[in-house]
Amino acid sequence: MRRNFMRLLMIMVMGLSLTATMDCSGKKKKRAKATVRMSKAAQAAKMKWDTLCVTCHGKTGAGDGPASVHMKPKPPALNQTAWQKKVTDDHIRKIILGGGGVVGLSILMPANPDLKGKPEVVTELVNIVRSLKIENPPETKSPSPAKK
């Protein structure tokens, strides 16, 4: 089981490395100049999100990253208002540090022992997760009242 997990993790990281430097035509992407200065903790969190988290959770947090295709269960949609409301920042922090298994979720969500002792980076990752919230989710139509 652990061997399969490590193999999956290596494939995800290698795939993300390739997609991060190439566009759809196979040409190298030109990097846009950043206009906003970020703290070192924010930079480290963004790098962690972009290189590891996105592989399963997807860029928008919809749980549609390239590695999620064959995952069961699928990663949660972090961008959904309902999910955002039901979890606390401490819960998210615990999952980031200890992995999904620590809170009874999928063991495919890896722990990040490299972040122990880096609370600022973990806080910035929590901020990234919180920023994924869809501000105006599509409304569900409620049934119209019956006409008499």
N, C-alpha and C. Protein backbone atom coordinates (compact mmCIF):
# COMPACT_ATOMS: atom_id res chain seq x y z
N MET A 1 0.83 -1.19 0.00
CA MET A 1 0.00 0.00 0.00
C MET A 1 0.87 1.25 0.00
N ARG A 2 1.86 1.26 0.91
CA ARG A 2 2.74 2.42 1.00
C ARG A 2 3.54 2.57 -0.30
N ARG A 3 3.94 1.46 -0.88
CA ARG A 3 4.71 1.50 -2.13
C ARG A 3 3.87 2.11 -3.25
N ASN A 4 2.60 1.71 -3.33
CA ASN A 4 1.71 2.28 -4.35
C ASN A 4 1.50 3.77 -4.12
N PHE A 5 1.37 4.16 -2.85
CA PHE A 5 1.19 5.58 -2.54
C PHE A 5 2.40 6.38 -2.98
N MET A 6 3.59 5.88 -2.68
CA MET A 6 4.81 6.59 -3.05
C MET A 6 4.94 6.68 -4.57
N ARG A 7 4.56 5.62 -5.27
CA ARG A 7 4.61 5.61 -6.73
C ARG A 7 3.64 6.67 -7.27
N LEU A 8 2.41 6.72 -6.73
CA LEU A 8 1.42 7.70 -7.15
C LEU A 8 1.92 9.11 -6.89
N LEU A 9 2.51 9.32 -5.73
CA LEU A 9 3.02 10.64 -5.38
C LEU A 9 4.12 11.08 -6.33
N MET A 10 5.03 10.16 -6.69
CA MET A 10 6.10 10.50 -7.63
C MET A 10 5.53 10.84 -9.00
N ILE A 11 4.55 10.10 -9.46
CA ILE A 11 3.93 10.38 -10.76
C ILE A 11 3.27 11.74 -10.75
N MET A 12 2.58 12.07 -9.65
CA MET A 12 1.91 13.37 -9.56
C MET A 12 2.91 14.51 -9.61
N VAL A 13 3.98 14.39 -8.86
CA VAL A 13 4.98 15.46 -8.81
C VAL A 13 5.67 15.61 -10.16
N MET A 14 6.01 14.49 -10.81
CA MET A 14 6.66 14.57 -12.12
C MET A 14 5.73 15.17 -13.16
N GLY A 15 4.48 14.78 -13.13
CA GLY A 15 3.51 15.33 -14.08
C GLY A 15 3.31 16.81 -13.89
N LEU A 16 3.22 17.23 -12.64
CA LEU A 16 3.04 18.64 -12.36
C LEU A 16 4.25 19.45 -12.79
N SER A 17 5.44 18.88 -12.60
CA SER A 17 6.66 19.58 -13.00
C SER A 17 6.64 19.85 -14.50
N LEU A 18 6.19 18.89 -15.26
CA LEU A 18 6.14 19.07 -16.71
C LEU A 18 5.07 20.08 -17.11
N THR A 19 3.87 19.98 -16.51
CA THR A 19 2.80 20.88 -16.90
C THR A 19 3.05 22.31 -16.43
N ALA A 20 3.83 22.48 -15.38
CA ALA A 20 4.10 23.82 -14.88
C ALA A 20 5.01 24.61 -15.82
N THR A 21 5.82 23.93 -16.61
CA THR A 21 6.76 24.64 -17.47
C THR A 21 6.34 24.65 -18.94
N MET A 22 5.31 23.94 -19.30
CA MET A 22 4.88 23.88 -20.69
C MET A 22 3.44 24.35 -20.83
N ASP A 23 3.11 24.91 -21.99
CA ASP A 23 1.72 25.21 -22.26
C ASP A 23 1.15 24.08 -23.12
N CYS A 24 -0.08 24.21 -23.59
CA CYS A 24 -0.73 23.11 -24.33
C CYS A 24 -0.01 22.75 -25.62
N SER A 25 0.69 23.69 -26.23
CA SER A 25 1.38 23.41 -27.48
C SER A 25 2.74 22.76 -27.26
N GLY A 26 3.14 22.61 -26.01
CA GLY A 26 4.43 22.00 -25.71
C GLY A 26 5.56 23.01 -25.64
N LYS A 27 5.21 24.30 -25.81
CA LYS A 27 6.24 25.34 -25.74
C LYS A 27 6.40 25.78 -24.29
N LYS A 28 7.60 26.20 -23.95
CA LYS A 28 7.84 26.69 -22.59
C LYS A 28 7.04 27.96 -22.36
N LYS A 29 6.47 28.05 -21.16
CA LYS A 29 5.70 29.23 -20.79
C LYS A 29 6.63 30.39 -20.45
N LYS A 30 6.19 31.60 -20.76
CA LYS A 30 6.92 32.78 -20.31
C LYS A 30 6.31 33.19 -18.98
N ARG A 31 7.13 33.45 -18.03
CA ARG A 31 6.63 33.84 -16.71
C ARG A 31 6.31 35.32 -16.69
N ALA A 32 5.13 35.62 -16.19
CA ALA A 32 4.72 37.01 -16.04
C ALA A 32 5.43 37.59 -14.83
N LYS A 33 5.74 38.86 -14.89
CA LYS A 33 6.39 39.50 -13.75
C LYS A 33 5.36 39.70 -12.65
N ALA A 34 5.73 39.33 -11.44
CA ALA A 34 4.84 39.50 -10.30
C ALA A 34 4.87 40.96 -9.88
N THR A 35 3.69 41.51 -9.65
CA THR A 35 3.62 42.90 -9.23
C THR A 35 3.37 43.01 -7.73
N VAL A 36 2.97 41.93 -7.11
CA VAL A 36 2.70 41.95 -5.68
C VAL A 36 3.85 41.25 -4.95
N ARG A 37 4.37 41.91 -3.95
CA ARG A 37 5.45 41.30 -3.16
C ARG A 37 4.81 40.46 -2.07
N MET A 38 5.27 39.21 -1.95
CA MET A 38 4.75 38.31 -0.94
C MET A 38 5.83 38.04 0.09
N SER A 39 5.39 37.74 1.29
CA SER A 39 6.34 37.36 2.33
C SER A 39 6.96 36.02 1.95
N LYS A 40 8.06 35.68 2.60
CA LYS A 40 8.70 34.39 2.33
C LYS A 40 7.76 33.24 2.67
N ALA A 41 6.99 33.39 3.74
CA ALA A 41 6.04 32.34 4.12
C ALA A 41 4.96 32.19 3.04
N ALA A 42 4.46 33.30 2.52
CA ALA A 42 3.45 33.25 1.47
C ALA A 42 4.03 32.64 0.20
N GLN A 43 5.27 32.96 -0.13
CA GLN A 43 5.92 32.38 -1.31
C GLN A 43 6.08 30.87 -1.14
N ALA A 44 6.51 30.45 0.05
CA ALA A 44 6.70 29.02 0.31
C ALA A 44 5.35 28.28 0.24
N ALA A 45 4.31 28.90 0.77
CA ALA A 45 2.98 28.28 0.73
C ALA A 45 2.47 28.18 -0.70
N LYS A 46 2.67 29.22 -1.48
CA LYS A 46 2.22 29.19 -2.87
C LYS A 46 2.99 28.13 -3.65
N MET A 47 4.28 28.00 -3.39
CA MET A 47 5.06 26.98 -4.07
C MET A 47 4.56 25.59 -3.68
N LYS A 48 4.27 25.37 -2.41
CA LYS A 48 3.76 24.08 -1.95
C LYS A 48 2.40 23.80 -2.62
N TRP A 49 1.54 24.79 -2.64
CA TRP A 49 0.22 24.63 -3.27
C TRP A 49 0.39 24.29 -4.76
N ASP A 50 1.21 25.09 -5.45
CA ASP A 50 1.37 24.92 -6.90
C ASP A 50 2.06 23.61 -7.29
N THR A 51 2.94 23.10 -6.43
CA THR A 51 3.70 21.91 -6.81
C THR A 51 3.13 20.62 -6.24
N LEU A 52 2.39 20.69 -5.16
CA LEU A 52 1.89 19.46 -4.55
C LEU A 52 0.36 19.43 -4.49
N CYS A 53 -0.23 20.42 -3.88
CA CYS A 53 -1.67 20.40 -3.61
C CYS A 53 -2.51 20.40 -4.89
N VAL A 54 -2.08 21.19 -5.88
CA VAL A 54 -2.82 21.32 -7.12
C VAL A 54 -2.96 19.99 -7.86
N THR A 55 -2.01 19.08 -7.66
CA THR A 55 -2.07 17.82 -8.40
C THR A 55 -3.36 17.06 -8.11
N CYS A 56 -3.88 17.18 -6.92
CA CYS A 56 -5.14 16.51 -6.58
C CYS A 56 -6.31 17.48 -6.46
N HIS A 57 -6.08 18.61 -5.80
CA HIS A 57 -7.16 19.55 -5.53
C HIS A 57 -7.48 20.46 -6.71
N GLY A 58 -6.58 20.58 -7.68
CA GLY A 58 -6.82 21.45 -8.83
C GLY A 58 -6.52 22.91 -8.50
N LYS A 59 -6.31 23.71 -9.54
CA LYS A 59 -5.94 25.11 -9.34
C LYS A 59 -7.00 25.90 -8.59
N THR A 60 -8.28 25.57 -8.83
CA THR A 60 -9.35 26.32 -8.18
C THR A 60 -9.87 25.63 -6.92
N GLY A 61 -9.26 24.48 -6.57
CA GLY A 61 -9.69 23.77 -5.38
C GLY A 61 -10.95 22.93 -5.58
N ALA A 62 -11.30 22.67 -6.83
CA ALA A 62 -12.53 21.93 -7.13
C ALA A 62 -12.36 20.42 -6.98
N GLY A 63 -11.16 19.96 -6.63
CA GLY A 63 -10.92 18.52 -6.50
C GLY A 63 -10.74 17.85 -7.84
N ASP A 64 -10.32 18.65 -8.84
CA ASP A 64 -10.22 18.14 -10.21
C ASP A 64 -8.81 18.19 -10.76
N GLY A 65 -7.82 18.06 -9.88
CA GLY A 65 -6.43 18.06 -10.33
C GLY A 65 -6.14 16.82 -11.17
N PRO A 66 -5.05 16.83 -11.93
CA PRO A 66 -4.75 15.72 -12.83
C PRO A 66 -4.62 14.37 -12.13
N ALA A 67 -4.16 14.34 -10.90
CA ALA A 67 -4.00 13.07 -10.19
C ALA A 67 -5.32 12.57 -9.60
N SER A 68 -6.35 13.40 -9.58
CA SER A 68 -7.62 13.01 -8.96
C SER A 68 -8.47 12.12 -9.85
N VAL A 69 -8.08 11.99 -11.12
CA VAL A 69 -8.89 11.25 -12.09
C VAL A 69 -9.23 9.85 -11.61
N HIS A 70 -8.27 9.14 -11.06
CA HIS A 70 -8.50 7.76 -10.65
C HIS A 70 -8.60 7.59 -9.14
N MET A 71 -8.73 8.68 -8.42
CA MET A 71 -8.78 8.59 -6.96
C MET A 71 -10.17 8.24 -6.47
N LYS A 72 -10.20 7.36 -5.48
CA LYS A 72 -11.45 7.05 -4.80
C LYS A 72 -11.13 6.98 -3.33
N PRO A 73 -11.65 7.85 -2.51
CA PRO A 73 -12.59 8.91 -2.86
C PRO A 73 -11.89 10.09 -3.51
N LYS A 74 -12.67 10.90 -4.20
CA LYS A 74 -12.16 12.10 -4.84
C LYS A 74 -11.80 13.12 -3.76
N PRO A 75 -10.83 13.99 -4.04
CA PRO A 75 -10.53 15.07 -3.09
C PRO A 75 -11.76 15.97 -2.93
N PRO A 76 -11.96 16.54 -1.76
CA PRO A 76 -13.12 17.41 -1.57
C PRO A 76 -12.98 18.69 -2.39
N ALA A 77 -14.12 19.27 -2.73
CA ALA A 77 -14.13 20.55 -3.43
C ALA A 77 -13.92 21.64 -2.39
N LEU A 78 -12.68 22.07 -2.26
CA LEU A 78 -12.32 23.07 -1.24
C LEU A 78 -12.93 24.43 -1.53
N ASN A 79 -13.38 24.64 -2.76
CA ASN A 79 -13.91 25.94 -3.15
C ASN A 79 -15.40 26.08 -2.88
N GLN A 80 -16.05 25.04 -2.41
CA GLN A 80 -17.48 25.09 -2.17
C GLN A 80 -17.81 25.75 -0.84
N THR A 81 -18.78 26.62 -0.86
CA THR A 81 -19.18 27.36 0.33
C THR A 81 -19.54 26.42 1.48
N ALA A 82 -20.27 25.35 1.18
CA ALA A 82 -20.69 24.41 2.23
C ALA A 82 -19.47 23.80 2.92
N TRP A 83 -18.47 23.40 2.14
CA TRP A 83 -17.26 22.82 2.74
C TRP A 83 -16.53 23.87 3.56
N GLN A 84 -16.40 25.06 3.00
CA GLN A 84 -15.69 26.14 3.70
C GLN A 84 -16.34 26.46 5.05
N LYS A 85 -17.67 26.40 5.09
CA LYS A 85 -18.39 26.73 6.33
C LYS A 85 -18.24 25.63 7.39
N LYS A 86 -18.11 24.37 6.95
CA LYS A 86 -18.10 23.29 7.94
C LYS A 86 -16.73 22.99 8.54
N VAL A 87 -15.66 23.54 7.98
CA VAL A 87 -14.33 23.26 8.53
C VAL A 87 -13.73 24.52 9.17
N THR A 88 -12.97 24.29 10.22
CA THR A 88 -12.29 25.41 10.88
C THR A 88 -10.87 25.52 10.34
N ASP A 89 -10.26 26.65 10.58
CA ASP A 89 -8.86 26.83 10.18
C ASP A 89 -7.97 25.80 10.88
N ASP A 90 -8.26 25.49 12.13
CA ASP A 90 -7.47 24.50 12.86
C ASP A 90 -7.60 23.11 12.23
N HIS A 91 -8.78 22.78 11.75
CA HIS A 91 -9.00 21.49 11.08
C HIS A 91 -8.17 21.42 9.80
N ILE A 92 -8.19 22.49 9.03
CA ILE A 92 -7.40 22.55 7.79
C ILE A 92 -5.91 22.43 8.12
N ARG A 93 -5.49 23.14 9.15
CA ARG A 93 -4.09 23.12 9.59
C ARG A 93 -3.68 21.69 9.97
N LYS A 94 -4.55 20.99 10.69
CA LYS A 94 -4.27 19.62 11.12
C LYS A 94 -4.11 18.70 9.90
N ILE A 95 -4.95 18.87 8.89
CA ILE A 95 -4.87 18.05 7.67
C ILE A 95 -3.59 18.37 6.91
N ILE A 96 -3.25 19.64 6.80
CA ILE A 96 -2.02 20.02 6.09
C ILE A 96 -0.81 19.37 6.74
N LEU A 97 -0.73 19.44 8.05
CA LEU A 97 0.43 18.91 8.76
C LEU A 97 0.45 17.38 8.86
N GLY A 98 -0.71 16.78 9.15
CA GLY A 98 -0.74 15.35 9.42
C GLY A 98 -1.28 14.48 8.31
N GLY A 99 -1.86 15.08 7.27
CA GLY A 99 -2.45 14.30 6.20
C GLY A 99 -3.90 13.95 6.49
N GLY A 100 -4.57 13.42 5.49
CA GLY A 100 -5.99 13.10 5.62
C GLY A 100 -6.29 12.05 6.68
N GLY A 101 -5.41 11.07 6.82
CA GLY A 101 -5.65 9.99 7.77
C GLY A 101 -5.76 10.46 9.21
N VAL A 102 -5.15 11.58 9.55
CA VAL A 102 -5.16 12.11 10.92
C VAL A 102 -6.57 12.49 11.36
N VAL A 103 -7.41 12.89 10.40
CA VAL A 103 -8.77 13.30 10.73
C VAL A 103 -9.82 12.36 10.14
N GLY A 104 -9.39 11.14 9.78
CA GLY A 104 -10.33 10.16 9.26
C GLY A 104 -10.67 10.33 7.79
N LEU A 105 -9.88 11.11 7.07
CA LEU A 105 -10.09 11.27 5.63
C LEU A 105 -9.13 10.35 4.88
N SER A 106 -9.07 10.50 3.58
CA SER A 106 -8.25 9.63 2.74
C SER A 106 -6.77 9.70 3.12
N ILE A 107 -6.14 8.52 3.16
CA ILE A 107 -4.70 8.47 3.43
C ILE A 107 -3.90 8.90 2.20
N LEU A 108 -4.57 9.10 1.07
CA LEU A 108 -3.87 9.61 -0.12
C LEU A 108 -3.48 11.07 0.03
N MET A 109 -4.14 11.77 0.97
CA MET A 109 -3.74 13.15 1.28
C MET A 109 -2.52 13.05 2.18
N PRO A 110 -1.32 13.38 1.62
CA PRO A 110 -0.10 13.16 2.40
C PRO A 110 0.09 14.19 3.52
N ALA A 111 0.84 13.76 4.52
CA ALA A 111 1.26 14.68 5.58
C ALA A 111 2.38 15.55 5.04
N ASN A 112 2.62 16.66 5.69
CA ASN A 112 3.70 17.58 5.31
C ASN A 112 4.61 17.81 6.51
N PRO A 113 5.40 16.80 6.88
CA PRO A 113 6.26 16.95 8.05
C PRO A 113 7.29 18.07 7.88
N ASP A 114 7.57 18.44 6.63
CA ASP A 114 8.52 19.53 6.38
C ASP A 114 7.98 20.87 6.86
N LEU A 115 6.67 20.95 7.13
CA LEU A 115 6.08 22.21 7.57
C LEU A 115 5.97 22.33 9.09
N LYS A 116 6.32 21.26 9.81
CA LYS A 116 6.31 21.35 11.27
C LYS A 116 7.40 22.35 11.66
N GLY A 117 7.07 23.27 12.52
CA GLY A 117 8.02 24.31 12.89
C GLY A 117 7.97 25.50 11.94
N LYS A 118 7.03 25.49 10.99
CA LYS A 118 6.86 26.62 10.06
C LYS A 118 5.40 27.07 10.09
N PRO A 119 4.94 27.56 11.25
CA PRO A 119 3.53 27.92 11.38
C PRO A 119 3.09 29.02 10.42
N GLU A 120 4.01 29.90 10.03
CA GLU A 120 3.64 30.98 9.11
C GLU A 120 3.28 30.42 7.73
N VAL A 121 4.03 29.42 7.29
CA VAL A 121 3.76 28.81 5.99
C VAL A 121 2.42 28.06 6.03
N VAL A 122 2.18 27.35 7.13
CA VAL A 122 0.92 26.62 7.28
C VAL A 122 -0.25 27.61 7.28
N THR A 123 -0.10 28.72 7.99
CA THR A 123 -1.15 29.74 8.01
C THR A 123 -1.41 30.28 6.61
N GLU A 124 -0.35 30.48 5.84
CA GLU A 124 -0.52 30.96 4.46
C GLU A 124 -1.21 29.91 3.59
N LEU A 125 -0.94 28.63 3.83
CA LEU A 125 -1.65 27.57 3.10
C LEU A 125 -3.13 27.57 3.46
N VAL A 126 -3.42 27.76 4.73
CA VAL A 126 -4.83 27.88 5.15
C VAL A 126 -5.47 29.07 4.44
N ASN A 127 -4.75 30.18 4.34
CA ASN A 127 -5.27 31.35 3.63
C ASN A 127 -5.53 31.05 2.16
N ILE A 128 -4.65 30.27 1.54
CA ILE A 128 -4.86 29.89 0.14
C ILE A 128 -6.14 29.07 0.03
N VAL A 129 -6.31 28.10 0.91
CA VAL A 129 -7.52 27.26 0.88
C VAL A 129 -8.75 28.14 1.08
N ARG A 130 -8.69 29.05 2.01
CA ARG A 130 -9.84 29.94 2.26
C ARG A 130 -10.11 30.86 1.07
N SER A 131 -9.07 31.23 0.33
CA SER A 131 -9.27 32.13 -0.81
C SER A 131 -9.93 31.44 -2.00
N LEU A 132 -10.04 30.13 -1.95
CA LEU A 132 -10.63 29.37 -3.05
C LEU A 132 -12.15 29.45 -3.07
N LYS A 133 -12.73 29.90 -1.99
CA LYS A 133 -14.19 29.93 -1.85
C LYS A 133 -14.83 30.65 -3.03
N ILE A 134 -15.84 30.01 -3.59
CA ILE A 134 -16.61 30.63 -4.67
C ILE A 134 -17.50 31.67 -4.02
N GLU A 135 -17.29 32.94 -4.39
CA GLU A 135 -18.06 34.02 -3.77
C GLU A 135 -19.54 33.96 -4.10
N ASN A 136 -19.85 33.69 -5.34
CA ASN A 136 -21.25 33.63 -5.77
C ASN A 136 -21.52 32.29 -6.44
N PRO A 137 -21.70 31.24 -5.63
CA PRO A 137 -21.94 29.94 -6.24
C PRO A 137 -23.24 29.95 -7.02
N PRO A 138 -23.35 29.09 -8.04
CA PRO A 138 -24.59 29.06 -8.81
C PRO A 138 -25.75 28.72 -7.90
N GLU A 139 -26.84 29.43 -8.10
CA GLU A 139 -28.02 29.20 -7.27
C GLU A 139 -28.74 27.95 -7.73
N THR A 140 -29.24 27.21 -6.77
CA THR A 140 -30.07 26.07 -7.13
C THR A 140 -31.51 26.55 -7.18
N LYS A 141 -32.21 26.09 -8.17
CA LYS A 141 -33.60 26.51 -8.31
C LYS A 141 -34.46 25.75 -7.32
N SER A 142 -35.23 26.47 -6.57
CA SER A 142 -36.15 25.81 -5.67
C SER A 142 -37.46 25.62 -6.41
N PRO A 143 -38.18 24.57 -6.07
CA PRO A 143 -39.44 24.33 -6.78
C PRO A 143 -40.39 25.48 -6.57
N SER A 144 -41.08 25.84 -7.64
CA SER A 144 -42.04 26.94 -7.51
C SER A 144 -43.29 26.45 -6.81
N PRO A 145 -43.90 27.37 -6.06
CA PRO A 145 -45.10 26.98 -5.32
C PRO A 145 -46.18 26.50 -6.29
N ALA A 146 -46.93 25.51 -5.85
CA ALA A 146 -48.00 24.97 -6.70
C ALA A 146 -49.08 26.02 -6.88
N LYS A 147 -49.57 26.13 -8.10
CA LYS A 147 -50.66 27.09 -8.39
C LYS A 147 -51.99 26.42 -8.10
N LYS A 148 -52.90 27.22 -7.55
CA LYS A 148 -54.24 26.68 -7.24
C LYS A 148 -55.23 27.14 -8.26
